[in-house]
Structures are given as C-alpha cells and as structure tokens.
C-alpha cells in the first residue's frame, strides 16, 4: 500500500474516532537513520499535508 494511502487511512481514522469509538491508534513504523519509530512518525508522517485540517493535538491519539 502506498504511503499516501496509509496516511489517508490514518487521517480518516483520526477524523472519525468518535463515530468509530477509537481511543488510541497504533501504527507500525520502523526506526530509520538513527530515529526512533516515534521520532520518525512525528517528522515524516505527522507533517504531511493530509493532516492539515485536523486539530494540532491529533498526534496524541497515535502510538508508534
């Protein structure tokens, strides 16, 4: 699955979390180039334009 589609799916889950009764979302991401999985998520995934319309605190719902 492409990175873009995965990001779109994550955005949809975060946006519809109340409707779907989601408290936390776990993502599997491997560490790379000296970055932990959490650091990589915040630097490479969370900054994507796909998440621009979500509130700033949305990353608190995700565990890498």
N, C-alpha and C. Protein backbone atom coordinates (compact mmCIF):
# COMPACT_ATOMS: atom_id res chain seq x y z
N UNK A 1 0.86 -1.17 0.00
CA UNK A 1 0.00 0.00 0.00
C UNK A 1 0.90 1.23 0.00
N UNK A 2 0.55 2.24 -0.73
CA UNK A 2 1.39 3.43 -0.83
C UNK A 2 1.35 4.23 0.46
N UNK A 3 2.39 4.99 0.69
CA UNK A 3 2.45 5.84 1.89
C UNK A 3 1.30 6.82 1.93
N UNK A 4 0.93 7.36 0.76
CA UNK A 4 -0.16 8.33 0.70
C UNK A 4 -1.47 7.69 1.15
N UNK A 5 -1.75 6.48 0.69
CA UNK A 5 -2.99 5.81 1.08
C UNK A 5 -3.02 5.50 2.57
N UNK A 6 -1.87 5.11 3.12
CA UNK A 6 -1.79 4.83 4.55
C UNK A 6 -2.06 6.11 5.34
N UNK A 7 -1.51 7.21 4.89
CA UNK A 7 -1.74 8.49 5.57
C UNK A 7 -3.20 8.90 5.47
N UNK A 8 -3.81 8.66 4.33
CA UNK A 8 -5.24 8.97 4.17
C UNK A 8 -6.09 8.11 5.10
N UNK A 9 -5.75 6.86 5.22
CA UNK A 9 -6.47 5.96 6.12
C UNK A 9 -6.31 6.43 7.57
N UNK A 10 -5.11 6.81 7.96
CA UNK A 10 -4.87 7.30 9.32
C UNK A 10 -5.67 8.58 9.57
N UNK A 11 -5.68 9.47 8.60
CA UNK A 11 -6.45 10.72 8.74
C UNK A 11 -7.93 10.41 8.93
N UNK A 12 -8.45 9.48 8.17
CA UNK A 12 -9.86 9.09 8.27
C UNK A 12 -10.17 8.51 9.65
N UNK A 13 -9.29 7.67 10.16
CA UNK A 13 -9.50 7.08 11.49
C UNK A 13 -9.49 8.15 12.58
N UNK A 14 -8.56 9.10 12.48
CA UNK A 14 -8.49 10.17 13.48
C UNK A 14 -9.74 11.05 13.39
N UNK A 15 -10.11 11.41 12.19
CA UNK A 15 -11.27 12.29 11.99
C UNK A 15 -12.57 11.65 12.46
N UNK A 16 -12.70 10.34 12.30
CA UNK A 16 -13.94 9.64 12.66
C UNK A 16 -13.84 8.87 13.97
N UNK A 17 -12.85 9.22 14.80
CA UNK A 17 -12.59 8.46 16.02
C UNK A 17 -13.78 8.40 16.96
N UNK A 18 -14.54 9.47 17.10
CA UNK A 18 -15.72 9.44 17.98
C UNK A 18 -16.78 8.50 17.42
N UNK A 19 -17.03 8.62 16.15
CA UNK A 19 -18.02 7.77 15.48
C UNK A 19 -17.65 6.29 15.57
N UNK A 20 -16.36 6.00 15.47
CA UNK A 20 -15.87 4.62 15.48
C UNK A 20 -15.46 4.15 16.87
N UNK A 21 -15.63 5.00 17.89
CA UNK A 21 -15.27 4.68 19.29
C UNK A 21 -13.80 4.28 19.41
N UNK A 22 -12.92 5.09 18.86
CA UNK A 22 -11.48 4.83 18.89
C UNK A 22 -10.84 5.73 19.95
N UNK A 23 -10.12 5.12 20.88
CA UNK A 23 -9.40 5.89 21.89
C UNK A 23 -7.94 6.12 21.50
N UNK A 24 -7.31 5.10 20.96
CA UNK A 24 -5.91 5.16 20.55
C UNK A 24 -5.75 4.48 19.21
N UNK A 25 -4.75 4.91 18.47
CA UNK A 25 -4.44 4.30 17.18
C UNK A 25 -2.97 3.91 17.22
N UNK A 26 -2.69 2.66 16.97
CA UNK A 26 -1.31 2.19 16.91
C UNK A 26 -0.87 2.07 15.47
N UNK A 27 0.31 2.59 15.18
CA UNK A 27 0.87 2.46 13.84
C UNK A 27 2.20 1.72 13.93
N UNK A 28 2.48 0.93 12.93
CA UNK A 28 3.74 0.21 12.88
C UNK A 28 4.64 0.97 11.91
N UNK A 29 5.74 1.46 12.44
CA UNK A 29 6.71 2.19 11.64
C UNK A 29 8.09 1.82 12.18
N UNK A 30 8.98 1.51 11.29
CA UNK A 30 10.30 1.07 11.76
C UNK A 30 11.22 2.27 11.97
N UNK A 31 12.13 2.14 12.92
CA UNK A 31 13.13 3.19 13.09
C UNK A 31 14.02 3.26 11.86
N UNK A 32 14.58 4.42 11.60
CA UNK A 32 15.42 4.59 10.42
C UNK A 32 16.39 5.74 10.62
N UNK A 33 17.59 5.55 10.16
CA UNK A 33 18.63 6.60 10.20
C UNK A 33 18.80 7.26 11.57
N UNK A 34 18.86 6.45 12.60
CA UNK A 34 19.07 6.99 13.94
C UNK A 34 17.85 7.58 14.59
N UNK A 35 16.69 7.50 13.95
CA UNK A 35 15.45 8.00 14.53
C UNK A 35 14.65 6.84 15.11
N UNK A 36 14.08 7.06 16.27
CA UNK A 36 13.18 6.05 16.83
C UNK A 36 11.91 6.04 15.99
N UNK A 37 11.09 5.03 16.18
CA UNK A 37 9.83 4.96 15.43
C UNK A 37 8.96 6.18 15.72
N UNK A 38 8.90 6.59 16.98
CA UNK A 38 8.10 7.76 17.37
C UNK A 38 8.63 9.04 16.71
N UNK A 39 9.94 9.23 16.72
CA UNK A 39 10.54 10.42 16.10
C UNK A 39 10.29 10.42 14.59
N UNK A 40 10.43 9.27 13.98
CA UNK A 40 10.20 9.17 12.54
C UNK A 40 8.73 9.47 12.20
N UNK A 41 7.82 8.97 13.03
CA UNK A 41 6.41 9.26 12.81
C UNK A 41 6.17 10.76 12.85
N UNK A 42 6.68 11.42 13.86
CA UNK A 42 6.45 12.87 14.01
C UNK A 42 7.10 13.68 12.89
N UNK A 43 8.28 13.28 12.43
CA UNK A 43 9.00 14.03 11.39
C UNK A 43 8.52 13.73 9.98
N UNK A 44 8.23 12.47 9.69
CA UNK A 44 7.94 12.09 8.31
C UNK A 44 6.46 11.88 8.01
N UNK A 45 5.70 11.47 8.99
CA UNK A 45 4.29 11.17 8.74
C UNK A 45 3.39 12.33 9.19
N UNK A 46 3.52 12.73 10.44
CA UNK A 46 2.61 13.72 11.01
C UNK A 46 2.66 15.08 10.31
N UNK A 47 3.74 15.40 9.66
CA UNK A 47 3.87 16.70 8.97
C UNK A 47 3.23 16.72 7.58
N UNK A 48 2.66 15.62 7.16
CA UNK A 48 2.07 15.53 5.83
C UNK A 48 0.88 16.47 5.70
N UNK A 49 0.69 17.01 4.51
CA UNK A 49 -0.44 17.91 4.25
C UNK A 49 -1.80 17.22 4.43
N UNK A 50 -1.80 15.91 4.41
CA UNK A 50 -3.05 15.14 4.57
C UNK A 50 -3.71 15.46 5.91
N UNK A 51 -2.90 15.80 6.92
CA UNK A 51 -3.42 16.02 8.27
C UNK A 51 -3.67 17.50 8.58
N UNK A 52 -3.59 18.36 7.60
CA UNK A 52 -3.68 19.81 7.81
C UNK A 52 -4.99 20.26 8.46
N UNK A 53 -6.08 19.59 8.21
CA UNK A 53 -7.37 20.02 8.75
C UNK A 53 -7.68 19.45 10.13
N UNK A 54 -6.81 18.59 10.64
CA UNK A 54 -7.01 18.02 11.97
C UNK A 54 -6.51 18.99 13.03
N UNK A 55 -7.08 18.92 14.24
CA UNK A 55 -6.56 19.77 15.32
C UNK A 55 -5.10 19.40 15.62
N UNK A 56 -4.34 20.37 16.13
CA UNK A 56 -2.91 20.16 16.35
C UNK A 56 -2.61 19.00 17.30
N UNK A 57 -3.49 18.69 18.21
CA UNK A 57 -3.23 17.67 19.21
C UNK A 57 -3.53 16.25 18.71
N UNK A 58 -3.83 16.08 17.45
CA UNK A 58 -4.23 14.76 16.95
C UNK A 58 -3.15 13.71 17.12
N UNK A 59 -1.88 14.11 17.11
CA UNK A 59 -0.81 13.12 17.23
C UNK A 59 -0.80 12.43 18.59
N UNK A 60 -1.42 13.05 19.57
CA UNK A 60 -1.53 12.43 20.89
C UNK A 60 -2.38 11.17 20.90
N UNK A 61 -3.17 10.98 19.86
CA UNK A 61 -4.01 9.80 19.75
C UNK A 61 -3.26 8.59 19.15
N UNK A 62 -2.08 8.86 18.61
CA UNK A 62 -1.36 7.83 17.86
C UNK A 62 -0.13 7.37 18.64
N UNK A 63 0.05 6.06 18.68
CA UNK A 63 1.22 5.45 19.27
C UNK A 63 1.98 4.72 18.17
N UNK A 64 3.26 5.07 18.06
CA UNK A 64 4.08 4.41 17.03
C UNK A 64 4.79 3.23 17.64
